[in-house]
C-alpha atoms as a PDB file:
ATOM      1  CA  MET A   1       0.000   0.000   0.000  1.00  0.00           C
ATOM      2  CA  PRO A   2       1.575   3.348  -1.035  1.00  0.00           C
ATOM      3  CA  ARG A   3       2.175   6.048   1.548  1.00  0.00           C
ATOM      4  CA  LYS A   4       0.428   9.329   0.855  1.00  0.00           C
ATOM      5  CA  ASP A   5       2.513  11.521   3.206  1.00  0.00           C
ATOM      6  CA  ILE A   6       5.719  11.313   1.054  1.00  0.00           C
ATOM      7  CA  ALA A   7       6.119  14.033  -1.527  1.00  0.00           C
ATOM      8  CA  VAL A   8       7.763  12.975  -4.757  1.00  0.00           C
ATOM      9  CA  GLN A   9      10.411  15.418  -5.969  1.00  0.00           C
ATOM     10  CA  PRO A  10      12.303  15.173  -9.258  1.00  0.00           C
ATOM     11  CA  LYS A  11      15.950  14.285  -8.972  1.00  0.00           C
ATOM     12  CA  GLU A  12      18.368  17.107  -9.652  1.00  0.00           C
ATOM     13  CA  ARG A  13      20.742  16.373 -12.467  1.00  0.00           C
ATOM     14  CA  ALA A  14      24.259  17.575 -11.996  1.00  0.00           C
ATOM     15  CA  LYS A  15      25.586  19.293 -15.070  1.00  0.00           C
ATOM     16  CA  PRO A  16      29.138  18.234 -15.777  1.00  0.00           C
ATOM     17  CA  LYS A  17      31.548  21.129 -15.975  1.00  0.00           C
ATOM     18  CA  LEU A  18      33.043  21.236 -19.417  1.00  0.00           C
ATOM     19  CA  GLU A  19      36.520  22.626 -19.753  1.00  0.00           C
ATOM     20  CA  ARG A  20      37.537  24.627 -22.769  1.00  0.00           C
ATOM     21  CA  PRO A  21      39.869  22.751 -25.078  1.00  0.00           C
ATOM     22  CA  ARG A  22      43.512  23.593 -24.586  1.00  0.00           C
ATOM     23  CA  LEU A  23      44.888  25.991 -27.174  1.00  0.00           C
ATOM     24  CA  TYR A  24      48.181  25.569 -28.999  1.00  0.00           C
ATOM     25  CA  LYS A  25      50.585  28.116 -30.473  1.00  0.00           C
ATOM     26  CA  VAL A  26      52.135  27.747 -33.907  1.00  0.00           C
ATOM     27  CA  ILE A  27      55.643  29.168 -33.683  1.00  0.00           C
ATOM     28  CA  LEU A  28      57.841  30.352 -36.540  1.00  0.00           C
ATOM     29  CA  ASN A  29      61.497  29.598 -35.787  1.00  0.00           C
ATOM     30  CA  ASN A  30      64.102  31.823 -37.418  1.00  0.00           C
ATOM     31  CA  ASP A  31      66.977  30.449 -39.458  1.00  0.00           C
ATOM     32  CA  ASP A  32      69.764  32.201 -41.345  1.00  0.00           C
ATOM     33  CA  TYR A  33      69.172  30.478 -44.661  1.00  0.00           C
ATOM     34  CA  THR A  34      65.515  30.847 -45.689  1.00  0.00           C
ATOM     35  CA  PRO A  35      64.829  34.068 -47.656  1.00  0.00           C
ATOM     36  CA  ARG A  36      62.438  36.540 -46.044  1.00  0.00           C
ATOM     37  CA  GLU A  37      60.275  36.630 -49.160  1.00  0.00           C
ATOM     38  CA  PHE A  38      59.694  32.874 -48.982  1.00  0.00           C
ATOM     39  CA  VAL A  39      58.692  33.103 -45.316  1.00  0.00           C
ATOM     40  CA  THR A  40      56.103  35.772 -46.092  1.00  0.00           C
ATOM     41  CA  ILE A  41      54.774  33.693 -49.004  1.00  0.00           C
ATOM     42  CA  VAL A  42      54.300  30.684 -46.685  1.00  0.00           C
ATOM     43  CA  LEU A  43      52.587  32.824 -44.044  1.00  0.00           C
ATOM     44  CA  LYS A  44      50.213  34.244 -46.649  1.00  0.00           C
ATOM     45  CA  ALA A  45      49.457  30.866 -48.236  1.00  0.00           C
ATOM     46  CA  VAL A  46      49.071  28.660 -45.165  1.00  0.00           C
ATOM     47  CA  PHE A  47      47.895  31.082 -42.483  1.00  0.00           C
ATOM     48  CA  ARG A  48      45.924  33.450 -44.777  1.00  0.00           C
ATOM     49  CA  MET A  49      47.775  36.542 -43.549  1.00  0.00           C
ATOM     50  CA  SER A  50      47.892  39.864 -45.321  1.00  0.00           C
ATOM     51  CA  ALA A  51      51.200  41.090 -46.750  1.00  0.00           C
ATOM     52  CA  GLU A  52      51.639  43.540 -43.877  1.00  0.00           C
ATOM     53  CA  THR A  53      50.867  41.003 -41.149  1.00  0.00           C
ATOM     54  CA  SER A  54      53.058  38.287 -42.656  1.00  0.00           C
ATOM     55  CA  ASN A  55      55.937  40.759 -42.963  1.00  0.00           C
ATOM     56  CA  ARG A  56      55.501  41.812 -39.319  1.00  0.00           C
ATOM     57  CA  VAL A  57      55.489  38.189 -38.073  1.00  0.00           C
ATOM     58  CA  MET A  58      58.527  37.348 -40.215  1.00  0.00           C
ATOM     59  CA  MET A  59      60.465  40.363 -38.869  1.00  0.00           C
ATOM     60  CA  THR A  60      59.541  39.467 -35.279  1.00  0.00           C
ATOM     61  CA  ALA A  61      60.988  35.986 -35.808  1.00  0.00           C
ATOM     62  CA  HIS A  62      64.039  37.499 -37.485  1.00  0.00           C
ATOM     63  CA  LYS A  63      64.729  39.864 -34.579  1.00  0.00           C
ATOM     64  CA  PHE A  64      63.817  37.642 -31.624  1.00  0.00           C
ATOM     65  CA  GLY A  65      64.508  34.134 -32.961  1.00  0.00           C
ATOM     66  CA  LYS A  66      60.880  33.014 -32.954  1.00  0.00           C
ATOM     67  CA  ALA A  67      57.390  34.423 -33.307  1.00  0.00           C
ATOM     68  CA  VAL A  68      53.899  33.178 -32.514  1.00  0.00           C
ATOM     69  CA  VAL A  69      51.983  32.906 -35.766  1.00  0.00           C
ATOM     70  CA  VAL A  70      48.568  31.800 -34.525  1.00  0.00           C
ATOM     71  CA  VAL A  71      46.875  30.334 -31.429  1.00  0.00           C
ATOM     72  CA  CYS A  72      44.186  27.737 -32.109  1.00  0.00           C
ATOM     73  CA  ALA A  73      42.954  24.222 -31.343  1.00  0.00           C
ATOM     74  CA  LYS A  74      45.553  21.443 -31.293  1.00  0.00           C
ATOM     75  CA  ASP A  75      44.498  19.663 -34.485  1.00  0.00           C
ATOM     76  CA  ILE A  76      44.369  22.902 -36.482  1.00  0.00           C
ATOM     77  CA  ALA A  77      47.742  24.043 -35.122  1.00  0.00           C
ATOM     78  CA  GLU A  78      49.401  20.743 -36.009  1.00  0.00           C
ATOM     79  CA  THR A  79      47.847  20.698 -39.479  1.00  0.00           C
ATOM     80  CA  LYS A  80      48.923  24.273 -40.282  1.00  0.00           C
ATOM     81  CA  SER A  81      52.405  23.669 -38.910  1.00  0.00           C
ATOM     82  CA  SER A  82      52.958  20.507 -40.940  1.00  0.00           C
ATOM     83  CA  GLU A  83      51.520  22.173 -44.057  1.00  0.00           C
ATOM     84  CA  ALA A  84      53.990  25.064 -43.725  1.00  0.00           C
ATOM     85  CA  ASN A  85      56.890  22.690 -43.012  1.00  0.00           C
ATOM     86  CA  ASP A  86      55.998  20.646 -46.105  1.00  0.00           C
ATOM     87  CA  LEU A  87      56.085  23.774 -48.289  1.00  0.00           C
ATOM     88  CA  ALA A  88      59.526  24.634 -46.929  1.00  0.00           C
ATOM     89  CA  LYS A  89      60.772  21.094 -47.456  1.00  0.00           C
ATOM     90  CA  GLU A  90      59.535  21.082 -51.060  1.00  0.00           C
ATOM     91  CA  ALA A  91      61.462  24.303 -51.685  1.00  0.00           C
ATOM     92  CA  SER A  92      64.564  22.850 -49.929  1.00  0.00           C
ATOM     93  CA  PHE A  93      64.588  25.428 -47.134  1.00  0.00           C
ATOM     94  CA  PRO A  94      65.173  24.657 -43.429  1.00  0.00           C
ATOM     95  CA  LEU A  95      62.228  26.835 -42.358  1.00  0.00           C
ATOM     96  CA  LEU A  96      60.607  25.332 -39.252  1.00  0.00           C
ATOM     97  CA  PHE A  97      57.190  25.803 -37.681  1.00  0.00           C
ATOM     98  CA  THR A  98      56.511  24.124 -34.330  1.00  0.00           C
ATOM     99  CA  THR A  99      53.510  23.803 -32.030  1.00  0.00           C
ATOM    100  CA  GLU A 100      53.370  24.041 -28.255  1.00  0.00           C
ATOM    101  CA  PRO A 101      50.585  24.364 -25.686  1.00  0.00           C
ATOM    102  CA  GLU A 102      49.567  27.840 -24.653  1.00  0.00           C
ATOM    103  CA  GLU A 103      50.222  28.585 -21.003  1.00  0.00           C
END
């Protein structure tokens, strides 16, 4: 026999806290062999930068040894980095793009 003095309340569902995906930086590493014009061409082609922006990123890498090109999701960062490295390899230049987690 059911009891009538117990109130039925819906169970509360706990919403899981979702963390934002970790972002990764694509870094342009400077070398003394790759021509500046080629670096700007790669930045324009792979990262869709304007001429002014690609020149600024290239000069930052030239002056400081490395420059952050873009910050994005891990899979996109790795794809863009490998795409740029492949272009450099095809042209026989030691240009190197790397990825690392953003802090």
